[in-house]
């Protein structure tokens, strides 16, 4: 037997924590147990402490000498990606938008509502999938552009048809929106909740700092600010049982102003706060400031919001969760029937990865084939000790980093150790 290459011994204060970045199991070690492990003589542990040895083996801190751990990781990922129990479909109902944010990567296009041909193709696609016994649920999310611009005209009529199919076939149905929330109304929430949903609707909403900074960034075409109305609509929504992911788009210039957002939200009720998950994200187009350490600022914000009863996602350099775009049963349908896997790039003909046919079939192109070939990373990724935790990032990043022979994310060994330490701290925080 051998120590798993994904097992780390991390010193934390006076203790040592044993952590495996594949199983995400942890144990606090006595000093003598730590010495046995670090000596590399794993088989000797079986003789002197069989109970500890059995624990290490059971939790995969140690593995058979012949096992190829990376192959086992990839095998498990393939199983997860190929799951057929949920159809997850993101629909770009329009590429038009009512706000103008400086960092938006999309070219807004007026008069780009879902075509009747695309609606027909989506319904045919779902009808083909929904009758298969393996499929248990359908999740439809709306993106854009601003999907609420054409809610009455195309979004809700499409939802009614999908709801009828799901209800008839006894499949669970879930609906979500990625929206600036300026147009989110009680009427819209009531209409969505009138469907046969397995869970309340969810909405991802973005703030760009306090009211002053947000309104300079996320304003209407007329220049009018949106902050106050977004907060008002969000409060209405959580009181109607809508689940909110509140994304903070942070830059070096706005990150410290989110303490003012806390002042605007801290007096909300415990129940209202319980329906909000805060997600801290750095705007990737931002030019870094030498006088602002984003990770330090993120940690401060996270602690302040958690102290007031909000749930805040882990602030991390990497995520053990893999991109939704890598799942075979998840894809994006543009308003015109073009197919995509990544929602973080502009929806141009050059970026499309296929088309949805009039018969409701998926016709993928060579770009999708390349994505499939490279999505598990290069040789350096596969050999890396934090491969299960980092996996080289998303497949879109790998597409754009083709030809890089070393670490796709350019991590040093010190970076990797810090990533492991941060993950351990986050996991321990959840148990305290």
Protein backbone atom coordinates (compact mmCIF):
# COMPACT_ATOMS: atom_id res chain seq x y z
CA UNK A 1 0.00 0.00 0.00
CA UNK A 2 1.02 3.63 -0.45
CA UNK A 3 -0.03 7.03 0.79
CA UNK A 4 -2.49 8.50 -1.70
CA UNK A 5 -0.89 11.22 -3.76
CA UNK A 6 -3.99 13.29 -2.96
CA UNK A 7 -3.36 13.05 0.81
CA UNK A 8 -1.78 16.01 2.59
CA UNK A 9 -0.58 16.52 6.14
CA UNK A 10 -1.26 20.14 7.07
CA UNK A 11 0.06 21.74 10.24
CA UNK A 12 -2.66 23.82 11.90
CA UNK A 13 -1.60 25.45 15.14
CA UNK A 14 -0.29 22.69 17.39
CA UNK A 15 -2.21 20.00 15.47
CA UNK A 16 -1.71 18.14 12.21
CA UNK A 17 -4.64 17.60 9.88
CA UNK A 18 -4.70 14.74 7.40
CA UNK A 19 -6.72 15.74 4.33
CA UNK A 20 -7.46 14.01 1.04
CA UNK A 21 -8.45 16.36 -1.80
CA UNK A 22 -10.30 13.60 -3.69
CA UNK A 23 -12.46 12.14 -0.92
CA UNK A 24 -12.44 15.42 1.07
CA UNK A 25 -11.99 13.34 4.22
CA UNK A 26 -10.04 14.77 7.16
CA UNK A 27 -8.57 13.55 10.41
CA UNK A 28 -6.60 15.19 13.21
CA UNK A 29 -3.36 13.27 13.79
CA UNK A 30 -1.36 12.59 16.89
CA UNK A 31 2.28 13.43 16.35
CA UNK A 32 3.42 9.80 16.25
CA UNK A 33 0.74 8.92 13.67
CA UNK A 34 1.85 11.83 11.55
CA UNK A 35 5.45 10.63 11.70
CA UNK A 36 4.45 7.14 10.59
CA UNK A 37 2.56 8.53 7.61
CA UNK A 38 5.27 10.93 6.55
CA UNK A 39 7.92 8.22 6.80
CA UNK A 40 6.32 6.56 3.77
CA UNK A 41 6.37 3.13 5.45
CA UNK A 42 2.61 2.70 5.25
CA UNK A 43 2.65 -1.09 5.62
CA UNK A 44 4.42 -0.76 8.96
CA UNK A 45 1.37 1.04 10.34
CA UNK A 46 -0.68 -2.15 9.83
CA UNK A 47 1.61 -3.97 12.26
CA UNK A 48 1.74 -1.34 14.99
CA UNK A 49 -1.71 0.22 14.74
CA UNK A 50 -4.11 -2.00 12.71
CA UNK A 51 -7.18 0.04 13.68
CA UNK A 52 -5.63 3.26 12.32
CA UNK A 53 -4.45 1.39 9.23
CA UNK A 54 -7.99 0.13 8.54
CA UNK A 55 -9.30 3.67 8.89
CA UNK A 56 -6.71 5.04 6.45
CA UNK A 57 -7.59 2.33 3.94
CA UNK A 58 -11.34 2.75 4.32
CA UNK A 59 -11.20 6.51 3.81
CA UNK A 60 -8.68 6.20 0.93
CA UNK A 61 -5.87 8.08 2.62
CA UNK A 62 -3.81 5.09 1.55
CA UNK A 63 -4.33 3.08 -1.63
CA UNK A 64 -3.04 -0.02 -3.38
CA UNK A 65 0.39 0.37 -4.97
CA UNK A 66 -0.98 -0.54 -8.39
CA UNK A 67 -3.93 1.83 -8.49
CA UNK A 68 -3.82 4.74 -10.91
CA UNK A 69 -5.61 7.38 -8.88
CA UNK A 70 -6.00 9.88 -11.72
CA UNK A 71 -7.72 7.23 -13.85
CA UNK A 72 -10.13 6.55 -10.98
CA UNK A 73 -10.87 10.26 -10.67
CA UNK A 74 -11.57 10.62 -14.40
CA UNK A 75 -13.73 7.49 -14.37
CA UNK A 76 -15.88 8.98 -11.60
CA UNK A 77 -16.17 12.30 -13.44
CA UNK A 78 -17.28 10.53 -16.60
CA UNK A 79 -19.99 8.73 -14.66
CA UNK A 80 -21.25 12.05 -13.23
CA UNK A 81 -21.12 13.81 -16.61
CA UNK A 82 -23.07 11.05 -18.31
CA UNK A 83 -25.95 11.03 -15.87
CA UNK A 84 -29.29 10.93 -17.66
CA UNK A 85 -31.60 11.59 -14.72
CA UNK A 86 -31.72 15.39 -15.20
CA UNK A 87 -32.07 17.47 -18.35
CA UNK A 88 -30.56 20.90 -17.65
CA UNK A 89 -31.30 23.41 -20.37
CA UNK A 90 -30.24 27.05 -20.38
CA UNK A 91 -32.23 29.21 -22.80
CA UNK A 92 -31.07 32.60 -24.07
CA UNK A 93 -34.53 34.07 -24.54
CA UNK A 94 -32.97 37.30 -25.83
CA UNK A 95 -29.56 38.92 -26.17
CA UNK A 96 -31.04 42.36 -25.60
CA UNK A 97 -30.61 43.98 -22.19
CA UNK A 98 -32.01 46.94 -20.30
CA UNK A 99 -28.76 47.77 -18.47
CA UNK A 100 -25.28 48.67 -19.69
CA UNK A 101 -22.40 47.26 -17.63
CA UNK A 102 -18.86 48.15 -18.71
CA UNK A 103 -17.51 44.62 -18.26
CA UNK A 104 -20.24 42.74 -20.13
CA UNK A 105 -18.66 40.40 -22.69
CA UNK A 106 -21.83 40.21 -24.81
CA UNK A 107 -22.75 42.43 -27.71
CA UNK A 108 -26.35 43.32 -26.92
CA UNK A 109 -28.66 42.70 -29.84
CA UNK A 110 -32.09 44.28 -30.07
CA UNK A 111 -35.03 42.31 -31.48
CA UNK A 112 -33.54 38.95 -30.60
CA UNK A 113 -36.52 37.23 -29.01
CA UNK A 114 -36.87 33.47 -29.14
CA UNK A 115 -38.08 32.57 -32.60
CA UNK A 116 -41.14 30.39 -33.05
CA UNK A 117 -38.88 27.86 -34.81
CA UNK A 118 -36.54 27.67 -31.80
CA UNK A 119 -39.46 27.31 -29.38
CA UNK A 120 -40.82 24.45 -31.48
CA UNK A 121 -37.40 22.76 -31.56
CA UNK A 122 -36.96 23.11 -27.78
CA UNK A 123 -40.35 21.52 -27.15
CA UNK A 124 -39.54 18.64 -29.53
CA UNK A 125 -36.18 18.11 -27.81
CA UNK A 126 -37.78 17.99 -24.36
CA UNK A 127 -40.58 15.73 -25.57
CA UNK A 128 -38.03 13.20 -26.85
CA UNK A 129 -36.07 13.23 -23.60
CA UNK A 130 -38.96 13.39 -21.15
CA UNK A 131 -40.45 10.05 -22.14
CA UNK A 132 -37.27 8.12 -21.27
CA UNK A 133 -37.55 6.24 -17.94
CA UNK A 134 -34.08 7.34 -16.76
CA UNK A 135 -34.99 11.02 -16.84
CA UNK A 136 -36.39 12.16 -13.49
CA UNK A 137 -36.26 15.95 -13.70
CA UNK A 138 -36.09 18.93 -16.06
CA UNK A 139 -34.38 22.18 -15.10
CA UNK A 140 -34.89 25.20 -17.34
CA UNK A 141 -32.86 28.34 -16.70
CA UNK A 142 -33.17 31.60 -18.60
CA UNK A 143 -30.19 33.73 -19.48
CA UNK A 144 -29.38 36.45 -21.98
CA UNK A 145 -29.39 39.41 -22.26
CA UNK A 146 -32.10 40.10 -19.76
CA UNK A 147 -34.60 37.21 -19.87
CA UNK A 148 -37.38 39.14 -18.15
CA UNK A 149 -37.60 41.58 -21.07
CA UNK A 150 -39.73 39.09 -22.97
CA UNK A 151 -41.23 37.13 -20.07
CA UNK A 152 -44.83 37.59 -21.19
CA UNK A 153 -44.19 37.20 -24.90
CA UNK A 154 -42.05 34.07 -25.05
CA UNK A 155 -40.65 32.91 -21.68
CA UNK A 156 -43.85 32.14 -19.80
CA UNK A 157 -45.66 30.59 -22.80
CA UNK A 158 -42.66 28.25 -23.22
CA UNK A 159 -42.72 27.40 -19.51
CA UNK A 160 -46.42 26.53 -19.67
CA UNK A 161 -45.78 24.00 -22.44
CA UNK A 162 -42.81 22.41 -20.65
CA UNK A 163 -44.78 22.29 -17.40
CA UNK A 164 -47.59 20.39 -19.13
CA UNK A 165 -45.15 17.79 -20.43
CA UNK A 166 -43.40 17.37 -17.07
CA UNK A 167 -46.69 17.07 -15.22
CA UNK A 168 -48.06 14.54 -17.70
CA UNK A 169 -44.92 12.40 -17.48
CA UNK A 170 -44.55 12.83 -13.69
CA UNK A 171 -41.13 14.47 -13.97
CA UNK A 172 -39.86 17.06 -11.51
CA UNK A 173 -39.68 20.57 -12.92
CA UNK A 174 -37.43 23.46 -11.78
CA UNK A 175 -37.08 27.00 -13.15
CA UNK A 176 -34.39 29.61 -12.61
CA UNK A 177 -33.33 32.98 -14.03
CA UNK A 178 -30.08 34.88 -14.32
CA UNK A 179 -31.47 38.40 -14.19
CA UNK A 180 -30.52 41.93 -13.21
CA UNK A 181 -33.88 41.83 -11.38
CA UNK A 182 -34.92 45.34 -12.40
CA UNK A 183 -38.06 43.90 -14.03
CA UNK A 184 -38.70 41.18 -11.42
CA UNK A 185 -42.26 41.65 -10.23
CA UNK A 186 -44.79 40.00 -7.95
CA UNK A 187 -46.83 39.07 -11.03
CA UNK A 188 -43.87 37.25 -12.60
CA UNK A 189 -43.15 35.35 -9.38
CA UNK A 190 -46.81 34.36 -9.02
CA UNK A 191 -46.97 33.11 -12.59
CA UNK A 192 -43.84 30.97 -12.26
CA UNK A 193 -45.03 29.57 -8.93
CA UNK A 194 -48.38 28.68 -10.52
CA UNK A 195 -46.54 25.91 -12.39
CA UNK A 196 -46.05 22.42 -11.00
CA UNK A 197 -42.59 23.12 -9.62
CA UNK A 198 -40.62 20.70 -7.48
CA UNK A 199 -39.04 23.69 -5.71
CA UNK A 200 -39.47 27.48 -5.65
CA UNK A 201 -37.97 29.46 -8.52
CA UNK A 202 -34.39 30.66 -8.12
CA UNK A 203 -32.87 33.90 -9.38
CA UNK A 204 -29.23 34.98 -9.64
CA UNK A 205 -28.95 38.73 -9.14
CA UNK A 206 -25.82 40.88 -9.31
CA UNK A 207 -24.74 43.91 -7.32
CA UNK A 208 -21.69 46.00 -8.22
CA UNK A 209 -20.92 47.69 -4.93
CA UNK A 210 -22.85 50.17 -2.82
CA UNK A 211 -25.64 52.27 -4.30
CA UNK A 212 -23.38 54.99 -5.66
CA UNK A 213 -20.87 52.64 -7.31
CA UNK A 214 -23.50 50.14 -8.46
CA UNK A 215 -25.51 52.85 -10.23
CA UNK A 216 -22.43 53.99 -12.10
CA UNK A 217 -21.90 50.45 -13.38
CA UNK A 218 -25.31 48.80 -13.62
CA UNK A 219 -27.55 51.50 -14.97
CA UNK A 220 -30.26 51.68 -17.61
CA UNK A 221 -29.50 52.87 -21.13
CA UNK A 222 -30.90 56.24 -20.02
CA UNK A 223 -28.31 56.42 -17.23
CA UNK A 224 -30.88 55.87 -14.47
CA UNK A 225 -29.59 53.81 -11.54
CA UNK A 226 -31.00 50.40 -10.61
CA UNK A 227 -29.77 49.68 -7.06
CA UNK A 228 -32.81 50.68 -5.00
CA UNK A 229 -35.29 48.95 -7.29
CA UNK A 230 -33.22 45.76 -7.40
CA UNK A 231 -33.12 45.56 -3.59
CA UNK A 232 -36.86 46.25 -3.38
CA UNK A 233 -37.65 43.56 -5.95
CA UNK A 234 -35.31 41.12 -4.23
CA UNK A 235 -37.01 41.63 -0.88
CA UNK A 236 -40.41 41.08 -2.47
CA UNK A 237 -39.12 37.89 -4.07
CA UNK A 238 -37.66 36.28 -0.92
CA UNK A 239 -40.93 36.99 0.87
CA UNK A 240 -42.64 34.97 -1.86
CA UNK A 241 -40.23 32.06 -1.25
CA UNK A 242 -37.90 32.77 -4.18
CA UNK A 243 -34.34 31.55 -3.57
CA UNK A 244 -31.74 34.20 -4.42
CA UNK A 245 -28.07 33.87 -5.32
CA UNK A 246 -26.78 37.38 -4.75
CA UNK A 247 -23.59 37.74 -6.74
CA UNK A 248 -21.17 40.48 -5.75
CA UNK A 249 -19.17 41.46 -8.83
CA UNK A 250 -16.04 42.80 -7.22
CA UNK A 251 -13.25 45.01 -8.56
CA UNK A 252 -10.34 46.76 -6.91
CA UNK A 253 -12.39 49.94 -7.02
CA UNK A 254 -15.66 48.65 -5.54
CA UNK A 255 -14.77 45.77 -3.23
CA UNK A 256 -14.58 47.84 -0.05
CA UNK A 257 -17.98 49.44 -0.68
CA UNK A 258 -19.85 46.17 -0.12
CA UNK A 259 -19.85 46.96 3.61
CA UNK A 260 -22.45 49.60 2.69
CA UNK A 261 -24.55 46.88 1.03
CA UNK A 262 -24.49 45.05 4.35
CA UNK A 263 -25.84 48.18 6.03
CA UNK A 264 -28.75 48.11 3.57
CA UNK A 265 -29.49 44.41 4.22
CA UNK A 266 -28.59 43.76 7.85
CA UNK A 267 -32.03 44.67 9.20
CA UNK A 268 -33.80 42.16 6.98
CA UNK A 269 -35.42 39.34 8.95
CA UNK A 270 -33.70 36.04 9.65
CA UNK A 271 -36.15 34.30 7.32
CA UNK A 272 -35.44 36.77 4.51
CA UNK A 273 -31.69 36.32 4.94
CA UNK A 274 -32.06 32.53 4.89
CA UNK A 275 -33.21 32.66 1.26
CA UNK A 276 -30.12 34.54 0.06
CA UNK A 277 -26.78 32.95 -0.82
CA UNK A 278 -24.01 35.48 -1.38
CA UNK A 279 -21.40 34.66 -4.01
CA UNK A 280 -18.24 36.78 -4.14
CA UNK A 281 -16.69 36.94 -7.59
CA UNK A 282 -13.91 39.09 -9.02
CA UNK A 283 -14.68 40.68 -12.38
CA UNK A 284 -12.13 39.01 -14.64
CA UNK A 285 -11.81 42.09 -16.86
CA UNK A 286 -10.74 44.16 -13.84
CA UNK A 287 -7.26 45.68 -13.81
CA UNK A 288 -5.65 44.62 -10.48
CA UNK A 289 -4.70 47.35 -8.02
CA UNK A 290 -1.41 46.95 -6.18
CA UNK A 291 -2.91 48.55 -3.06
CA UNK A 292 -5.86 46.15 -2.84
CA UNK A 293 -5.46 42.47 -1.91
CA UNK A 294 -8.72 40.98 -3.22
CA UNK A 295 -8.47 37.77 -1.19
CA UNK A 296 -8.01 39.74 2.03
CA UNK A 297 -10.95 41.98 1.16
CA UNK A 298 -13.10 38.98 0.23
CA UNK A 299 -12.37 37.38 3.59
CA UNK A 300 -13.39 40.56 5.44
CA UNK A 301 -16.64 40.85 3.49
CA UNK A 302 -17.45 37.18 3.98
CA UNK A 303 -16.93 37.36 7.73
CA UNK A 304 -19.04 40.51 8.07
CA UNK A 305 -21.99 39.07 6.12
CA UNK A 306 -21.80 35.70 7.88
CA UNK A 307 -21.82 37.45 11.24
CA UNK A 308 -25.15 39.04 10.24
CA UNK A 309 -26.67 35.65 9.40
CA UNK A 310 -26.08 35.42 5.65
CA UNK A 311 -24.75 32.34 3.93
CA UNK A 312 -21.66 33.25 1.89
CA UNK A 313 -20.03 30.86 -0.55
CA UNK A 314 -16.46 29.79 0.05
CA UNK A 315 -13.89 32.30 -1.18
CA UNK A 316 -11.59 30.09 -3.20
CA UNK A 317 -9.05 29.95 -5.96
CA UNK A 318 -10.41 26.62 -7.18
CA UNK A 319 -13.59 24.61 -6.81
CA UNK A 320 -13.97 20.83 -6.54
CA UNK A 321 -17.24 21.26 -8.41
CA UNK A 322 -16.79 20.82 -12.13
CA UNK A 323 -18.34 23.11 -14.73
CA UNK A 324 -21.95 22.44 -15.74
CA UNK A 325 -20.79 22.71 -19.34
CA UNK A 326 -18.95 19.39 -19.01
CA UNK A 327 -22.18 17.48 -18.41
CA UNK A 328 -23.63 15.78 -21.46
CA UNK A 329 -27.21 16.60 -20.43
CA UNK A 330 -26.58 20.33 -19.98
CA UNK A 331 -26.36 22.81 -22.83
CA UNK A 332 -27.37 26.30 -23.90
CA UNK A 333 -29.90 27.05 -26.63
CA UNK A 334 -29.65 30.51 -28.10
CA UNK A 335 -32.75 32.44 -29.21
CA UNK A 336 -31.96 31.42 -32.84
CA UNK A 337 -31.29 27.72 -32.14
CA UNK A 338 -27.49 27.89 -31.93
CA UNK A 339 -25.99 25.58 -29.29
CA UNK A 340 -23.31 26.45 -26.75
CA UNK A 341 -21.71 24.83 -23.70
CA UNK A 342 -20.23 27.93 -22.03
CA UNK A 343 -22.29 30.89 -20.80
CA UNK A 344 -19.25 33.05 -20.06
CA UNK A 345 -18.41 33.95 -23.65
CA UNK A 346 -20.32 35.93 -26.25
CA UNK A 347 -22.95 33.99 -28.19
CA UNK A 348 -21.47 34.51 -31.64
CA UNK A 349 -21.41 32.16 -34.63
CA UNK A 350 -17.68 31.72 -34.07
CA UNK A 351 -18.27 30.43 -30.54
CA UNK A 352 -21.23 28.17 -31.20
CA UNK A 353 -20.75 24.43 -30.81
CA UNK A 354 -23.74 23.20 -32.77
CA UNK A 355 -27.34 23.81 -33.75
CA UNK A 356 -30.72 22.58 -32.54
CA UNK A 357 -32.50 21.13 -35.55
CA UNK A 358 -36.16 21.57 -36.43
CA UNK A 359 -36.70 17.96 -35.29
CA UNK A 360 -35.35 18.73 -31.82
CA UNK A 361 -32.00 16.99 -32.36
CA UNK A 362 -28.57 18.26 -31.31
CA UNK A 363 -26.06 18.63 -34.11
CA UNK A 364 -22.65 19.30 -32.58
CA UNK A 365 -19.63 20.64 -34.46
CA UNK A 366 -15.85 20.19 -34.22
CA UNK A 367 -15.49 22.80 -31.47
CA UNK A 368 -17.58 20.60 -29.20
CA UNK A 369 -15.46 17.58 -30.16
CA UNK A 370 -12.29 19.45 -29.19
CA UNK A 371 -13.85 20.44 -25.85
CA UNK A 372 -14.55 16.78 -25.15
CA UNK A 373 -10.98 15.75 -26.00
CA UNK A 374 -9.28 18.27 -23.73
CA UNK A 375 -11.69 18.65 -20.82
CA UNK A 376 -9.68 16.44 -18.42
CA UNK A 377 -6.57 18.56 -18.82
CA UNK A 378 -3.05 17.94 -20.07
CA UNK A 379 -0.41 15.58 -18.70
CA UNK A 380 0.67 18.09 -16.05
CA UNK A 381 -2.93 18.38 -14.81
CA UNK A 382 -3.43 14.65 -14.60
CA UNK A 383 -0.15 14.15 -12.72
CA UNK A 384 -0.84 16.98 -10.24
CA UNK A 385 -1.44 16.31 -6.54
CA UNK A 386 -4.42 18.69 -6.43
CA UNK A 387 -5.98 17.38 -9.65
CA UNK A 388 -9.32 16.37 -8.02
CA UNK A 389 -9.63 19.78 -6.39
CA UNK A 390 -8.51 21.95 -9.31
CA UNK A 391 -8.92 19.74 -12.43
CA UNK A 392 -7.25 22.48 -14.45
CA UNK A 393 -10.32 24.69 -14.33
CA UNK A 394 -13.25 24.65 -16.71
CA UNK A 395 -13.16 23.16 -20.19
CA UNK A 396 -13.56 26.64 -21.71
CA UNK A 397 -10.32 27.68 -20.06
CA UNK A 398 -8.66 24.54 -21.38
CA UNK A 399 -9.90 25.31 -24.89
CA UNK A 400 -8.26 28.70 -24.67
CA UNK A 401 -5.05 27.30 -23.15
CA UNK A 402 -4.43 24.59 -25.73
CA UNK A 403 -0.73 24.06 -26.26
CA UNK A 404 0.25 24.85 -22.67
CA UNK A 405 2.39 21.94 -21.51
CA UNK A 406 2.65 22.75 -17.81
CA UNK A 407 0.04 23.84 -15.30
CA UNK A 408 -2.86 25.37 -17.20
CA UNK A 409 -3.50 27.77 -14.31
CA UNK A 410 0.21 28.52 -13.84
CA UNK A 411 0.22 27.51 -10.16
CA UNK A 412 3.48 27.17 -8.27
CA UNK A 413 3.88 24.56 -5.54
CA UNK A 414 3.33 27.33 -2.98
CA UNK A 415 0.03 28.20 -4.71
CA UNK A 416 -1.05 24.58 -4.48
CA UNK A 417 -0.23 24.31 -0.77
CA UNK A 418 -2.21 27.48 -0.09
CA UNK A 419 -5.17 26.13 -2.06
CA UNK A 420 -5.15 22.98 0.09
CA UNK A 421 -4.82 24.98 3.31
CA UNK A 422 -7.69 27.27 2.34
CA UNK A 423 -9.88 24.29 1.53
CA UNK A 424 -9.10 22.63 4.86
CA UNK A 425 -9.95 25.84 6.73
CA UNK A 426 -13.26 26.14 4.89
CA UNK A 427 -14.25 22.54 5.62
CA UNK A 428 -13.31 22.85 9.28
CA UNK A 429 -15.27 26.11 9.52
CA UNK A 430 -18.43 24.22 8.53
CA UNK A 431 -18.10 21.91 11.52
CA UNK A 432 -17.43 24.60 14.13
